[in-house]
């Protein structure tokens, strides 16, 4: 029996402020191969503002 397996590792980042709000990406099926709600990850750049 083999003891190794191929896997795909992903990176997720939960960005939350002091009020409990967090960043969530809603992926549209018209634009992406898979759709739904996701936490940003990978090469995501987030700009925090005072808004």
N, C-alpha and C. Protein backbone atom coordinates (compact mmCIF):
# COMPACT_ATOMS: atom_id res chain seq x y z
N UNK A 1 0.85 -1.18 0.00
CA UNK A 1 0.00 0.00 0.00
C UNK A 1 0.89 1.25 0.00
N UNK A 2 0.62 2.15 -0.94
CA UNK A 2 1.40 3.38 -1.04
C UNK A 2 1.11 4.29 0.14
N UNK A 3 2.14 4.99 0.59
CA UNK A 3 1.97 5.90 1.73
C UNK A 3 2.05 7.36 1.30
N UNK A 4 2.00 7.61 0.01
CA UNK A 4 2.02 8.99 -0.45
C UNK A 4 0.78 9.27 -1.28
N UNK A 5 0.40 10.53 -1.31
CA UNK A 5 -0.78 10.98 -2.04
C UNK A 5 -0.51 12.34 -2.64
N UNK A 6 -1.07 12.57 -3.82
CA UNK A 6 -0.97 13.91 -4.39
C UNK A 6 -2.06 14.77 -3.77
N UNK A 7 -1.69 15.98 -3.38
CA UNK A 7 -2.65 16.90 -2.77
C UNK A 7 -2.51 18.27 -3.40
N UNK A 8 -3.53 19.08 -3.25
CA UNK A 8 -3.49 20.48 -3.64
C UNK A 8 -3.69 21.29 -2.37
N UNK A 9 -2.72 22.12 -2.02
CA UNK A 9 -2.81 22.97 -0.84
C UNK A 9 -3.29 24.35 -1.25
N UNK A 10 -4.14 24.95 -0.45
CA UNK A 10 -4.64 26.29 -0.74
C UNK A 10 -4.35 27.22 0.43
N UNK A 11 -4.38 28.49 0.15
CA UNK A 11 -4.12 29.52 1.15
C UNK A 11 -5.38 30.35 1.31
N UNK A 12 -5.86 30.51 2.54
CA UNK A 12 -7.00 31.37 2.80
C UNK A 12 -6.62 32.36 3.89
N UNK A 13 -7.18 33.54 3.78
CA UNK A 13 -6.84 34.61 4.71
C UNK A 13 -8.14 35.25 5.20
N UNK A 14 -8.39 35.20 6.50
CA UNK A 14 -9.56 35.85 7.08
C UNK A 14 -9.13 37.22 7.58
N UNK A 15 -9.69 38.27 6.98
CA UNK A 15 -9.40 39.64 7.36
C UNK A 15 -10.62 40.16 8.11
N UNK A 16 -10.41 40.53 9.38
CA UNK A 16 -11.53 40.93 10.23
C UNK A 16 -11.17 42.23 10.96
N UNK A 17 -12.16 43.11 11.11
CA UNK A 17 -11.91 44.33 11.87
C UNK A 17 -12.39 44.16 13.31
N UNK A 18 -12.27 45.19 14.11
CA UNK A 18 -12.63 45.09 15.53
C UNK A 18 -14.14 45.01 15.77
N UNK A 19 -14.94 45.19 14.72
CA UNK A 19 -16.39 45.08 14.83
C UNK A 19 -16.90 43.71 14.36
N UNK A 20 -15.98 42.81 14.03
CA UNK A 20 -16.36 41.48 13.59
C UNK A 20 -16.72 41.35 12.13
N UNK A 21 -16.54 42.43 11.35
CA UNK A 21 -16.80 42.36 9.92
C UNK A 21 -15.59 41.73 9.25
N UNK A 22 -15.84 40.94 8.19
CA UNK A 22 -14.71 40.31 7.50
C UNK A 22 -14.91 40.36 5.99
N UNK A 23 -13.82 40.14 5.27
CA UNK A 23 -13.82 40.19 3.82
C UNK A 23 -14.25 38.82 3.28
N UNK A 24 -15.25 38.83 2.39
CA UNK A 24 -15.72 37.60 1.76
C UNK A 24 -15.87 37.89 0.27
N UNK A 25 -15.40 36.98 -0.56
CA UNK A 25 -15.52 37.12 -2.01
C UNK A 25 -16.71 36.30 -2.48
N UNK A 26 -17.63 36.92 -3.22
CA UNK A 26 -18.75 36.22 -3.82
C UNK A 26 -18.41 35.99 -5.29
N UNK A 27 -18.19 34.73 -5.66
CA UNK A 27 -17.74 34.38 -7.01
C UNK A 27 -18.93 34.11 -7.91
N UNK A 28 -19.01 34.85 -9.02
CA UNK A 28 -20.10 34.74 -9.98
C UNK A 28 -19.85 33.58 -10.94
N UNK A 29 -20.86 32.74 -11.21
CA UNK A 29 -20.67 31.63 -12.14
C UNK A 29 -20.41 32.08 -13.58
N UNK A 30 -20.77 33.31 -13.92
CA UNK A 30 -20.49 33.83 -15.26
C UNK A 30 -19.00 34.16 -15.44
N UNK A 31 -18.29 34.42 -14.34
CA UNK A 31 -16.89 34.86 -14.44
C UNK A 31 -15.88 33.79 -14.03
N UNK A 32 -16.29 32.83 -13.21
CA UNK A 32 -15.33 31.89 -12.64
C UNK A 32 -15.73 30.44 -12.93
N UNK A 33 -14.73 29.55 -12.95
CA UNK A 33 -14.98 28.13 -13.19
C UNK A 33 -15.80 27.52 -12.05
N UNK A 34 -15.62 28.01 -10.85
CA UNK A 34 -16.45 27.57 -9.71
C UNK A 34 -16.99 28.81 -9.03
N UNK A 35 -18.18 28.72 -8.48
CA UNK A 35 -18.82 29.90 -7.90
C UNK A 35 -19.18 29.64 -6.45
N UNK A 36 -19.59 30.71 -5.78
CA UNK A 36 -19.98 30.63 -4.37
C UNK A 36 -19.20 31.62 -3.53
N UNK A 37 -19.35 31.51 -2.24
CA UNK A 37 -18.65 32.40 -1.31
C UNK A 37 -17.30 31.81 -0.96
N UNK A 38 -16.28 32.68 -0.85
CA UNK A 38 -14.93 32.22 -0.54
C UNK A 38 -14.18 33.29 0.24
N UNK A 39 -13.26 32.85 1.06
CA UNK A 39 -12.32 33.77 1.69
C UNK A 39 -11.20 34.04 0.70
N UNK A 40 -10.68 35.28 0.67
CA UNK A 40 -9.60 35.57 -0.27
C UNK A 40 -8.33 34.81 0.12
N UNK A 41 -7.49 34.56 -0.84
CA UNK A 41 -6.23 33.88 -0.57
C UNK A 41 -5.29 34.01 -1.75
N UNK A 42 -4.14 33.43 -1.63
CA UNK A 42 -3.17 33.48 -2.72
C UNK A 42 -2.61 34.87 -2.91
N UNK A 43 -2.77 35.41 -4.12
CA UNK A 43 -2.20 36.71 -4.48
C UNK A 43 -3.18 37.85 -4.24
N UNK A 44 -3.98 37.75 -3.22
CA UNK A 44 -4.99 38.75 -2.92
C UNK A 44 -4.33 39.99 -2.30
N UNK A 45 -4.68 41.16 -2.80
CA UNK A 45 -4.19 42.41 -2.23
C UNK A 45 -5.38 43.15 -1.64
N UNK A 46 -5.29 43.48 -0.38
CA UNK A 46 -6.39 44.16 0.30
C UNK A 46 -5.92 45.53 0.75
N UNK A 47 -6.66 46.55 0.39
CA UNK A 47 -6.34 47.92 0.77
C UNK A 47 -7.31 48.35 1.86
N UNK A 48 -6.77 48.63 3.04
CA UNK A 48 -7.60 49.05 4.15
C UNK A 48 -7.76 50.56 4.12
N UNK A 49 -8.99 51.02 4.26
CA UNK A 49 -9.26 52.46 4.25
C UNK A 49 -9.99 52.84 5.53
N UNK A 50 -10.12 54.10 5.76
CA UNK A 50 -10.84 54.59 6.94
C UNK A 50 -12.33 54.69 6.71
N UNK A 51 -12.80 54.20 5.57
CA UNK A 51 -14.23 54.32 5.22
C UNK A 51 -15.08 53.43 6.10
